[in-house]
Amino acid sequence: MFEIFKPGLILFAISLVASLSLGLVNEITKEPIKQMEIQTENNARKELFPEADNFEAVEFEQSNSVTKIVEAEKGGEKLGYIMNAEPKGYGGKVSLVVAVASDNTIKGVKVLKHSETPGLGANAGKPEFIDQYKGLSEGIKVTKQKPADNEIQAITSATITSEAVTLGVNDCFDLIKSLK
């Protein structure tokens, strides 16, 4: 009779050990992963506003894809805003950092994390695409043709990702208007 239950008990024991091991590894790595994400965000801020000597968090009411706002300052003078946004792309959320100068133009955009298609939407983080945003202002549009004023050219075969990044950038501008 015991022979009938033996394979099930062995499988249960293996599953239990594997589950406990995964849970332990998750607990051990949770804090270092969180610290790494904070460090990546801080590095992106310094990269986008290298002249800033202070970054001050701004309270806001979340209403779109923007998840965090930080004011960049130098000697107490406001240089602009650095905002985190997470618009939905083709493969999931696209985590962005957007720097908007005090003259309401984009100083820079950086893709922190995404789950877009390799070789297509994953190209959103490459300078050829992301540098198109520099100097643009609110109301940016995506085009598949040669871009005109305040437009960016979509990534070939990744229009949804291009639209997602642009939505995140435009959401940042919408929120800036409500802060003033």
N, C-alpha and C. Protein backbone atom coordinates (compact mmCIF):
# COMPACT_ATOMS: atom_id res chain seq x y z
N MET A 1 0.82 -1.21 0.00
CA MET A 1 0.00 0.00 0.00
C MET A 1 0.86 1.26 0.00
N PHE A 2 1.95 1.26 0.76
CA PHE A 2 2.84 2.41 0.83
C PHE A 2 3.46 2.70 -0.52
N GLU A 3 3.70 1.68 -1.34
CA GLU A 3 4.32 1.84 -2.65
C GLU A 3 3.50 2.75 -3.57
N ILE A 4 2.20 2.79 -3.38
CA ILE A 4 1.34 3.65 -4.20
C ILE A 4 1.59 5.12 -3.89
N PHE A 5 1.83 5.46 -2.62
CA PHE A 5 2.00 6.85 -2.19
C PHE A 5 3.45 7.33 -2.27
N LYS A 6 4.41 6.41 -2.37
CA LYS A 6 5.82 6.75 -2.34
C LYS A 6 6.21 7.76 -3.43
N PRO A 7 5.85 7.57 -4.73
CA PRO A 7 6.21 8.56 -5.75
C PRO A 7 5.61 9.94 -5.47
N GLY A 8 4.37 9.96 -4.98
CA GLY A 8 3.73 11.24 -4.66
C GLY A 8 4.43 11.96 -3.52
N LEU A 9 4.84 11.21 -2.49
CA LEU A 9 5.55 11.80 -1.35
C LEU A 9 6.92 12.32 -1.77
N ILE A 10 7.60 11.58 -2.63
CA ILE A 10 8.91 12.01 -3.13
C ILE A 10 8.75 13.31 -3.93
N LEU A 11 7.77 13.34 -4.81
CA LEU A 11 7.50 14.54 -5.60
C LEU A 11 7.13 15.72 -4.70
N PHE A 12 6.33 15.46 -3.67
CA PHE A 12 5.96 16.51 -2.72
C PHE A 12 7.20 17.05 -2.01
N ALA A 13 8.09 16.16 -1.56
CA ALA A 13 9.31 16.57 -0.85
C ALA A 13 10.20 17.41 -1.76
N ILE A 14 10.36 16.97 -3.00
CA ILE A 14 11.17 17.73 -3.96
C ILE A 14 10.56 19.11 -4.20
N SER A 15 9.25 19.16 -4.39
CA SER A 15 8.56 20.43 -4.62
C SER A 15 8.68 21.35 -3.42
N LEU A 16 8.57 20.80 -2.23
CA LEU A 16 8.69 21.58 -1.00
C LEU A 16 10.08 22.19 -0.88
N VAL A 17 11.12 21.40 -1.11
CA VAL A 17 12.50 21.89 -1.03
C VAL A 17 12.74 22.96 -2.09
N ALA A 18 12.26 22.73 -3.31
CA ALA A 18 12.43 23.72 -4.38
C ALA A 18 11.70 25.02 -4.06
N SER A 19 10.49 24.93 -3.56
CA SER A 19 9.70 26.12 -3.21
C SER A 19 10.36 26.91 -2.09
N LEU A 20 10.81 26.22 -1.06
CA LEU A 20 11.48 26.88 0.05
C LEU A 20 12.78 27.54 -0.41
N SER A 21 13.50 26.87 -1.29
CA SER A 21 14.75 27.43 -1.82
C SER A 21 14.48 28.70 -2.62
N LEU A 22 13.47 28.67 -3.48
CA LEU A 22 13.12 29.86 -4.27
C LEU A 22 12.67 31.01 -3.38
N GLY A 23 11.88 30.70 -2.36
CA GLY A 23 11.44 31.73 -1.42
C GLY A 23 12.61 32.35 -0.68
N LEU A 24 13.56 31.53 -0.27
CA LEU A 24 14.74 32.02 0.44
C LEU A 24 15.59 32.91 -0.47
N VAL A 25 15.83 32.46 -1.68
CA VAL A 25 16.60 33.26 -2.63
C VAL A 25 15.90 34.59 -2.91
N ASN A 26 14.58 34.56 -3.04
CA ASN A 26 13.81 35.80 -3.27
C ASN A 26 14.00 36.77 -2.11
N GLU A 27 13.92 36.28 -0.88
CA GLU A 27 14.09 37.14 0.29
C GLU A 27 15.50 37.71 0.37
N ILE A 28 16.48 36.90 0.05
CA ILE A 28 17.88 37.34 0.12
C ILE A 28 18.16 38.41 -0.93
N THR A 29 17.60 38.26 -2.12
CA THR A 29 17.92 39.17 -3.22
C THR A 29 16.97 40.37 -3.34
N LYS A 30 15.87 40.38 -2.59
CA LYS A 30 14.87 41.45 -2.71
C LYS A 30 15.49 42.82 -2.44
N GLU A 31 16.18 42.98 -1.33
CA GLU A 31 16.75 44.27 -0.95
C GLU A 31 17.89 44.70 -1.89
N PRO A 32 18.84 43.81 -2.24
CA PRO A 32 19.87 44.24 -3.19
C PRO A 32 19.29 44.66 -4.56
N ILE A 33 18.24 43.99 -5.01
CA ILE A 33 17.61 44.36 -6.28
C ILE A 33 16.99 45.75 -6.16
N LYS A 34 16.32 46.00 -5.04
CA LYS A 34 15.70 47.31 -4.82
C LYS A 34 16.77 48.41 -4.78
N GLN A 35 17.87 48.15 -4.09
CA GLN A 35 18.96 49.12 -4.03
C GLN A 35 19.58 49.37 -5.41
N MET A 36 19.68 48.32 -6.21
CA MET A 36 20.22 48.46 -7.56
C MET A 36 19.30 49.32 -8.42
N GLU A 37 17.98 49.14 -8.28
CA GLU A 37 17.02 49.95 -9.03
C GLU A 37 17.11 51.42 -8.63
N ILE A 38 17.26 51.69 -7.34
CA ILE A 38 17.41 53.07 -6.86
C ILE A 38 18.69 53.67 -7.41
N GLN A 39 19.77 52.90 -7.40
CA GLN A 39 21.05 53.39 -7.92
C GLN A 39 20.96 53.68 -9.42
N THR A 40 20.27 52.81 -10.16
CA THR A 40 20.09 53.02 -11.60
C THR A 40 19.31 54.31 -11.86
N GLU A 41 18.27 54.55 -11.07
CA GLU A 41 17.48 55.79 -11.19
C GLU A 41 18.34 57.00 -10.89
N ASN A 42 19.11 56.95 -9.81
CA ASN A 42 19.98 58.07 -9.45
C ASN A 42 21.03 58.34 -10.52
N ASN A 43 21.59 57.28 -11.08
CA ASN A 43 22.57 57.45 -12.16
C ASN A 43 21.94 58.11 -13.38
N ALA A 44 20.70 57.70 -13.70
CA ALA A 44 19.99 58.30 -14.83
C ALA A 44 19.74 59.78 -14.58
N ARG A 45 19.38 60.14 -13.36
CA ARG A 45 19.17 61.56 -13.02
C ARG A 45 20.44 62.37 -13.23
N LYS A 46 21.54 61.86 -12.70
CA LYS A 46 22.82 62.57 -12.84
C LYS A 46 23.26 62.64 -14.30
N GLU A 47 22.93 61.63 -15.07
CA GLU A 47 23.29 61.63 -16.49
C GLU A 47 22.46 62.67 -17.25
N LEU A 48 21.17 62.79 -16.90
CA LEU A 48 20.29 63.71 -17.61
C LEU A 48 20.44 65.16 -17.14
N PHE A 49 20.78 65.38 -15.89
CA PHE A 49 21.00 66.71 -15.33
C PHE A 49 22.34 66.72 -14.58
N PRO A 50 23.47 66.62 -15.31
CA PRO A 50 24.76 66.52 -14.63
C PRO A 50 25.12 67.76 -13.81
N GLU A 51 24.58 68.91 -14.19
CA GLU A 51 24.91 70.15 -13.49
C GLU A 51 24.15 70.29 -12.16
N ALA A 52 23.14 69.49 -11.92
CA ALA A 52 22.33 69.59 -10.70
C ALA A 52 23.12 69.12 -9.48
N ASP A 53 22.92 69.85 -8.38
CA ASP A 53 23.56 69.45 -7.13
C ASP A 53 22.56 68.96 -6.09
N ASN A 54 21.26 69.02 -6.44
CA ASN A 54 20.22 68.56 -5.52
C ASN A 54 19.02 68.06 -6.32
N PHE A 55 18.46 66.97 -5.85
CA PHE A 55 17.24 66.41 -6.45
C PHE A 55 16.20 66.30 -5.34
N GLU A 56 15.10 67.04 -5.49
CA GLU A 56 14.06 67.10 -4.47
C GLU A 56 12.78 66.46 -4.98
N ALA A 57 12.26 65.48 -4.24
CA ALA A 57 11.02 64.81 -4.64
C ALA A 57 9.85 65.80 -4.58
N VAL A 58 8.92 65.67 -5.53
CA VAL A 58 7.75 66.52 -5.62
C VAL A 58 6.51 65.67 -5.41
N GLU A 59 5.62 66.12 -4.54
CA GLU A 59 4.35 65.44 -4.31
C GLU A 59 3.40 65.78 -5.45
N PHE A 60 2.66 64.79 -5.91
CA PHE A 60 1.70 65.03 -6.99
C PHE A 60 0.62 63.97 -6.93
N GLU A 61 -0.48 64.28 -7.60
CA GLU A 61 -1.58 63.32 -7.69
C GLU A 61 -1.42 62.54 -8.99
N GLN A 62 -1.20 61.25 -8.85
CA GLN A 62 -0.96 60.42 -10.02
C GLN A 62 -2.23 60.24 -10.84
N SER A 63 -2.12 60.56 -12.14
CA SER A 63 -3.30 60.45 -13.00
C SER A 63 -2.99 59.83 -14.35
N ASN A 64 -1.73 59.58 -14.64
CA ASN A 64 -1.36 58.97 -15.92
C ASN A 64 -0.18 58.02 -15.69
N SER A 65 0.70 57.89 -16.66
CA SER A 65 1.78 56.92 -16.53
C SER A 65 2.95 57.40 -15.68
N VAL A 66 2.94 58.65 -15.24
CA VAL A 66 4.04 59.18 -14.43
C VAL A 66 3.95 58.63 -13.01
N THR A 67 5.08 58.09 -12.53
CA THR A 67 5.10 57.47 -11.20
C THR A 67 5.91 58.25 -10.18
N LYS A 68 6.81 59.12 -10.63
CA LYS A 68 7.65 59.86 -9.70
C LYS A 68 8.10 61.16 -10.36
N ILE A 69 8.18 62.23 -9.55
CA ILE A 69 8.68 63.51 -10.03
C ILE A 69 9.75 63.99 -9.07
N VAL A 70 10.86 64.43 -9.64
CA VAL A 70 11.95 64.99 -8.86
C VAL A 70 12.33 66.32 -9.50
N GLU A 71 12.53 67.33 -8.67
CA GLU A 71 12.95 68.63 -9.17
C GLU A 71 14.47 68.69 -9.10
N ALA A 72 15.10 69.05 -10.22
CA ALA A 72 16.56 69.19 -10.26
C ALA A 72 16.91 70.64 -9.95
N GLU A 73 17.86 70.83 -9.05
CA GLU A 73 18.26 72.17 -8.64
C GLU A 73 19.78 72.31 -8.65
N LYS A 74 20.19 73.56 -8.82
CA LYS A 74 21.61 73.88 -8.68
C LYS A 74 21.69 75.17 -7.90
N GLY A 75 22.27 75.11 -6.72
CA GLY A 75 22.38 76.29 -5.87
C GLY A 75 21.03 76.87 -5.50
N GLY A 76 20.02 76.02 -5.34
CA GLY A 76 18.69 76.47 -4.97
C GLY A 76 17.84 76.92 -6.15
N GLU A 77 18.42 77.00 -7.33
CA GLU A 77 17.67 77.42 -8.53
C GLU A 77 17.16 76.19 -9.27
N LYS A 78 15.86 76.23 -9.63
CA LYS A 78 15.25 75.09 -10.32
C LYS A 78 15.76 75.01 -11.76
N LEU A 79 16.29 73.82 -12.11
CA LEU A 79 16.76 73.58 -13.48
C LEU A 79 15.69 72.91 -14.33
N GLY A 80 14.82 72.15 -13.67
CA GLY A 80 13.77 71.42 -14.39
C GLY A 80 13.30 70.23 -13.58
N TYR A 81 12.62 69.33 -14.25
CA TYR A 81 12.06 68.15 -13.60
C TYR A 81 12.63 66.88 -14.22
N ILE A 82 12.75 65.88 -13.39
CA ILE A 82 13.09 64.53 -13.84
C ILE A 82 11.92 63.66 -13.40
N MET A 83 11.31 62.99 -14.37
CA MET A 83 10.10 62.22 -14.09
C MET A 83 10.27 60.78 -14.51
N ASN A 84 9.72 59.89 -13.72
CA ASN A 84 9.66 58.48 -14.09
C ASN A 84 8.26 58.21 -14.63
N ALA A 85 8.20 57.51 -15.75
CA ALA A 85 6.92 57.15 -16.35
C ALA A 85 6.97 55.68 -16.75
N GLU A 86 5.80 55.05 -16.73
CA GLU A 86 5.71 53.63 -17.10
C GLU A 86 4.52 53.41 -18.03
N PRO A 87 4.61 53.88 -19.27
CA PRO A 87 3.52 53.62 -20.22
C PRO A 87 3.53 52.16 -20.66
N LYS A 88 2.40 51.69 -21.14
CA LYS A 88 2.30 50.30 -21.60
C LYS A 88 2.76 50.20 -23.04
N GLY A 89 3.75 49.34 -23.27
CA GLY A 89 4.26 49.09 -24.61
C GLY A 89 3.68 47.80 -25.15
N TYR A 90 4.32 47.24 -26.15
CA TYR A 90 3.85 45.99 -26.77
C TYR A 90 3.99 44.81 -25.82
N GLY A 91 5.13 44.72 -25.12
CA GLY A 91 5.39 43.57 -24.26
C GLY A 91 5.14 43.82 -22.79
N GLY A 92 4.65 44.99 -22.43
CA GLY A 92 4.42 45.33 -21.03
C GLY A 92 4.83 46.77 -20.79
N LYS A 93 5.06 47.10 -19.53
CA LYS A 93 5.43 48.48 -19.19
C LYS A 93 6.84 48.80 -19.67
N VAL A 94 7.00 50.04 -20.12
CA VAL A 94 8.31 50.57 -20.50
C VAL A 94 8.65 51.61 -19.45
N SER A 95 9.69 51.36 -18.66
CA SER A 95 10.08 52.26 -17.59
C SER A 95 11.04 53.32 -18.13
N LEU A 96 10.63 54.59 -18.02
CA LEU A 96 11.39 55.71 -18.58
C LEU A 96 11.78 56.71 -17.51
N VAL A 97 12.84 57.45 -17.76
CA VAL A 97 13.17 58.65 -17.01
C VAL A 97 13.22 59.76 -18.05
N VAL A 98 12.45 60.83 -17.79
CA VAL A 98 12.36 61.95 -18.72
C VAL A 98 12.82 63.20 -17.99
N ALA A 99 13.78 63.92 -18.58
CA ALA A 99 14.26 65.17 -18.01
C ALA A 99 13.71 66.32 -18.84
N VAL A 100 12.98 67.22 -18.17
CA VAL A 100 12.40 68.39 -18.83
C VAL A 100 13.03 69.63 -18.21
N ALA A 101 13.68 70.44 -19.04
CA ALA A 101 14.34 71.66 -18.57
C ALA A 101 13.29 72.70 -18.19
N SER A 102 13.71 73.73 -17.49
CA SER A 102 12.77 74.77 -17.03
C SER A 102 12.16 75.55 -18.19
N ASP A 103 12.74 75.47 -19.39
CA ASP A 103 12.14 76.13 -20.56
C ASP A 103 11.14 75.22 -21.27
N ASN A 104 10.74 74.13 -20.62
CA ASN A 104 9.76 73.15 -21.13
C ASN A 104 10.21 72.44 -22.40
N THR A 105 11.49 72.18 -22.52
CA THR A 105 11.99 71.32 -23.59
C THR A 105 12.63 70.09 -22.96
N ILE A 106 12.68 69.04 -23.73
CA ILE A 106 13.24 67.78 -23.22
C ILE A 106 14.75 67.87 -23.24
N LYS A 107 15.32 67.61 -22.09
CA LYS A 107 16.78 67.59 -21.95
C LYS A 107 17.30 66.20 -22.28
N GLY A 108 16.48 65.18 -22.02
CA GLY A 108 16.89 63.82 -22.33
C GLY A 108 15.85 62.81 -21.86
N VAL A 109 15.92 61.63 -22.45
CA VAL A 109 15.04 60.52 -22.10
C VAL A 109 15.91 59.28 -21.98
N LYS A 110 15.63 58.47 -20.99
CA LYS A 110 16.39 57.24 -20.80
C LYS A 110 15.41 56.10 -20.50
N VAL A 111 15.58 54.99 -21.19
CA VAL A 111 14.77 53.79 -20.94
C VAL A 111 15.50 52.97 -19.89
N LEU A 112 14.83 52.75 -18.75
CA LEU A 112 15.45 51.99 -17.66
C LEU A 112 15.21 50.50 -17.79
N LYS A 113 13.95 50.14 -18.12
CA LYS A 113 13.58 48.73 -18.13
C LYS A 113 12.42 48.55 -19.10
N HIS A 114 12.40 47.41 -19.77
CA HIS A 114 11.30 47.10 -20.69
C HIS A 114 11.24 45.60 -20.92
N SER A 115 10.16 45.16 -21.52
CA SER A 115 10.03 43.75 -21.91
C SER A 115 9.56 43.69 -23.37
N GLU A 116 10.11 44.59 -24.16
CA GLU A 116 9.74 44.67 -25.57
C GLU A 116 10.48 43.61 -26.39
N THR A 117 10.01 43.39 -27.61
CA THR A 117 10.55 42.37 -28.49
C THR A 117 12.02 42.65 -28.82
N PRO A 118 12.92 41.69 -28.56
CA PRO A 118 14.33 41.89 -28.90
C PRO A 118 14.50 42.18 -30.40
N GLY A 119 15.34 43.15 -30.70
CA GLY A 119 15.61 43.50 -32.09
C GLY A 119 14.60 44.45 -32.69
N LEU A 120 13.46 44.64 -32.04
CA LEU A 120 12.43 45.56 -32.55
C LEU A 120 12.18 46.63 -31.48
N GLY A 121 11.19 46.40 -30.62
CA GLY A 121 10.85 47.36 -29.58
C GLY A 121 11.98 47.59 -28.59
N ALA A 122 12.86 46.61 -28.43
CA ALA A 122 14.00 46.76 -27.53
C ALA A 122 14.94 47.86 -27.99
N ASN A 123 14.82 48.28 -29.25
CA ASN A 123 15.65 49.36 -29.78
C ASN A 123 15.25 50.73 -29.24
N ALA A 124 14.19 50.78 -28.45
CA ALA A 124 13.72 52.05 -27.89
C ALA A 124 14.76 52.71 -26.99
N GLY A 125 15.63 51.93 -26.41
CA GLY A 125 16.66 52.48 -25.54
C GLY A 125 17.91 52.94 -26.26
N LYS A 126 17.98 52.68 -27.55
CA LYS A 126 19.17 53.04 -28.32
C LYS A 126 19.19 54.55 -28.63
N PRO A 127 20.37 55.14 -28.67
CA PRO A 127 20.48 56.57 -28.93
C PRO A 127 19.83 57.02 -30.24
N GLU A 128 19.85 56.18 -31.27
CA GLU A 128 19.26 56.57 -32.55
C GLU A 128 17.78 56.92 -32.40
N PHE A 129 17.10 56.27 -31.47
CA PHE A 129 15.69 56.55 -31.25
C PHE A 129 15.50 57.58 -30.15
N ILE A 130 16.08 57.35 -29.02
CA ILE A 130 15.81 58.15 -27.82
C ILE A 130 16.32 59.58 -27.94
N ASP A 131 17.39 59.80 -28.71
CA ASP A 131 17.93 61.15 -28.87
C ASP A 131 17.03 62.04 -29.71
N GLN A 132 16.05 61.47 -30.41
CA GLN A 132 15.11 62.27 -31.20
C GLN A 132 14.28 63.20 -30.32
N TYR A 133 14.12 62.86 -29.06
CA TYR A 133 13.27 63.64 -28.16
C TYR A 133 13.95 64.92 -27.66
N LYS A 134 15.27 64.95 -27.66
CA LYS A 134 16.00 66.11 -27.12
C LYS A 134 15.58 67.39 -27.84
N GLY A 135 15.26 68.39 -27.02
CA GLY A 135 14.90 69.70 -27.54
C GLY A 135 13.44 69.86 -27.93
N LEU A 136 12.68 68.76 -27.95
CA LEU A 136 11.26 68.85 -28.31
C LEU A 136 10.45 69.33 -27.11
N SER A 137 9.22 69.77 -27.38
CA SER A 137 8.34 70.22 -26.30
C SER A 137 7.04 69.44 -26.35
N GLU A 138 6.05 69.85 -25.57
CA GLU A 138 4.82 69.09 -25.43
C GLU A 138 4.10 68.85 -26.76
N GLY A 139 3.29 67.80 -26.78
CA GLY A 139 2.51 67.47 -27.98
C GLY A 139 3.30 66.72 -29.04
N ILE A 140 4.24 65.91 -28.63
CA ILE A 140 5.07 65.15 -29.57
C ILE A 140 4.23 64.09 -30.25
N LYS A 141 4.45 63.91 -31.53
CA LYS A 141 3.73 62.91 -32.31
C LYS A 141 4.73 61.92 -32.92
N VAL A 142 4.24 60.72 -33.22
CA VAL A 142 5.06 59.68 -33.84
C VAL A 142 4.67 59.59 -35.31
N THR A 143 5.66 59.49 -36.17
CA THR A 143 5.41 59.34 -37.59
C THR A 143 6.28 58.22 -38.15
N LYS A 144 5.81 57.61 -39.22
CA LYS A 144 6.60 56.57 -39.87
C LYS A 144 7.44 57.17 -41.00
N GLN A 145 7.15 58.41 -41.33
CA GLN A 145 7.87 59.13 -42.38
C GLN A 145 9.00 59.95 -41.75
N LYS A 146 9.61 60.79 -42.57
CA LYS A 146 10.63 61.71 -42.06
C LYS A 146 9.94 62.70 -41.12
N PRO A 147 10.44 62.82 -39.88
CA PRO A 147 9.74 63.65 -38.90
C PRO A 147 9.82 65.14 -39.20
N ALA A 148 8.73 65.84 -38.92
CA ALA A 148 8.68 67.30 -39.03
C ALA A 148 8.87 67.87 -37.62
N ASP A 149 8.48 69.12 -37.41
CA ASP A 149 8.61 69.75 -36.10
C ASP A 149 7.82 68.99 -35.05
N ASN A 150 8.46 68.78 -33.92
CA ASN A 150 7.86 68.13 -32.75
C ASN A 150 7.34 66.72 -33.05
N GLU A 151 8.00 66.02 -33.95
CA GLU A 151 7.69 64.64 -34.27
C GLU A 151 8.94 63.79 -34.13
N ILE A 152 8.73 62.51 -33.87
CA ILE A 152 9.84 61.56 -33.87
C ILE A 152 9.49 60.44 -34.83
N GLN A 153 10.52 59.85 -35.41
CA GLN A 153 10.30 58.75 -36.34
C GLN A 153 10.21 57.45 -35.56
N ALA A 154 9.15 56.69 -35.83
CA ALA A 154 8.91 55.42 -35.14
C ALA A 154 10.01 54.42 -35.46
N ILE A 155 10.23 53.52 -34.53
CA ILE A 155 11.15 52.42 -34.75
C ILE A 155 10.50 51.49 -35.76
N THR A 156 11.24 51.07 -36.77
CA THR A 156 10.70 50.19 -37.79
C THR A 156 10.15 48.91 -37.15
N SER A 157 8.92 48.58 -37.47
CA SER A 157 8.22 47.39 -36.98
C SER A 157 7.97 47.41 -35.47
N ALA A 158 8.06 48.59 -34.86
CA ALA A 158 7.82 48.69 -33.41
C ALA A 158 7.08 50.00 -33.11
N THR A 159 6.02 50.26 -33.86
CA THR A 159 5.26 51.49 -33.68
C THR A 159 4.61 51.55 -32.31
N ILE A 160 4.15 50.42 -31.79
CA ILE A 160 3.50 50.42 -30.48
C ILE A 160 4.48 50.87 -29.40
N THR A 161 5.70 50.39 -29.45
CA THR A 161 6.72 50.80 -28.50
C THR A 161 7.04 52.28 -28.66
N SER A 162 7.17 52.75 -29.90
CA SER A 162 7.44 54.16 -30.15
C SER A 162 6.32 55.03 -29.60
N GLU A 163 5.08 54.60 -29.80
CA GLU A 163 3.92 55.33 -29.28
C GLU A 163 3.92 55.32 -27.75
N ALA A 164 4.33 54.21 -27.16
CA ALA A 164 4.34 54.10 -25.69
C ALA A 164 5.35 55.08 -25.09
N VAL A 165 6.55 55.12 -25.64
CA VAL A 165 7.57 56.04 -25.13
C VAL A 165 7.08 57.48 -25.29
N THR A 166 6.50 57.79 -26.44
CA THR A 166 6.00 59.14 -26.69
C THR A 166 4.85 59.48 -25.74
N LEU A 167 3.99 58.51 -25.46
CA LEU A 167 2.90 58.73 -24.50
C LEU A 167 3.48 59.06 -23.13
N GLY A 168 4.49 58.32 -22.70
CA GLY A 168 5.13 58.59 -21.41
C GLY A 168 5.71 59.99 -21.36
N VAL A 169 6.38 60.41 -22.43
CA VAL A 169 6.97 61.75 -22.49
C VAL A 169 5.86 62.81 -22.46
N ASN A 170 4.82 62.62 -23.25
CA ASN A 170 3.72 63.59 -23.26
C ASN A 170 2.98 63.63 -21.92
N ASP A 171 2.86 62.49 -21.25
CA ASP A 171 2.26 62.47 -19.91
C ASP A 171 3.06 63.33 -18.94
N CYS A 172 4.38 63.32 -19.09
CA CYS A 172 5.23 64.15 -18.24
C CYS A 172 4.91 65.63 -18.45
N PHE A 173 4.76 66.04 -19.70
CA PHE A 173 4.42 67.44 -19.99
C PHE A 173 3.05 67.80 -19.42
N ASP A 174 2.09 66.89 -19.54
CA ASP A 174 0.75 67.14 -18.99
C ASP A 174 0.82 67.37 -17.48
N LEU A 175 1.64 66.59 -16.81
CA LEU A 175 1.76 66.72 -15.36
C LEU A 175 2.49 68.00 -14.96
N ILE A 176 3.46 68.40 -15.75
CA ILE A 176 4.19 69.64 -15.46
C ILE A 176 3.23 70.82 -15.50
N LYS A 177 2.31 70.82 -16.46
CA LYS A 177 1.32 71.90 -16.53
C LYS A 177 0.51 72.00 -15.25
N SER A 178 0.16 70.86 -14.67
CA SER A 178 -0.64 70.88 -13.44
C SER A 178 0.17 71.30 -12.22
N LEU A 179 1.49 71.22 -12.29
CA LEU A 179 2.34 71.63 -11.17
C LEU A 179 2.52 73.14 -11.09
N LYS A 180 2.34 73.82 -12.21
CA LYS A 180 2.58 75.27 -12.26
C LYS A 180 1.39 76.05 -11.84
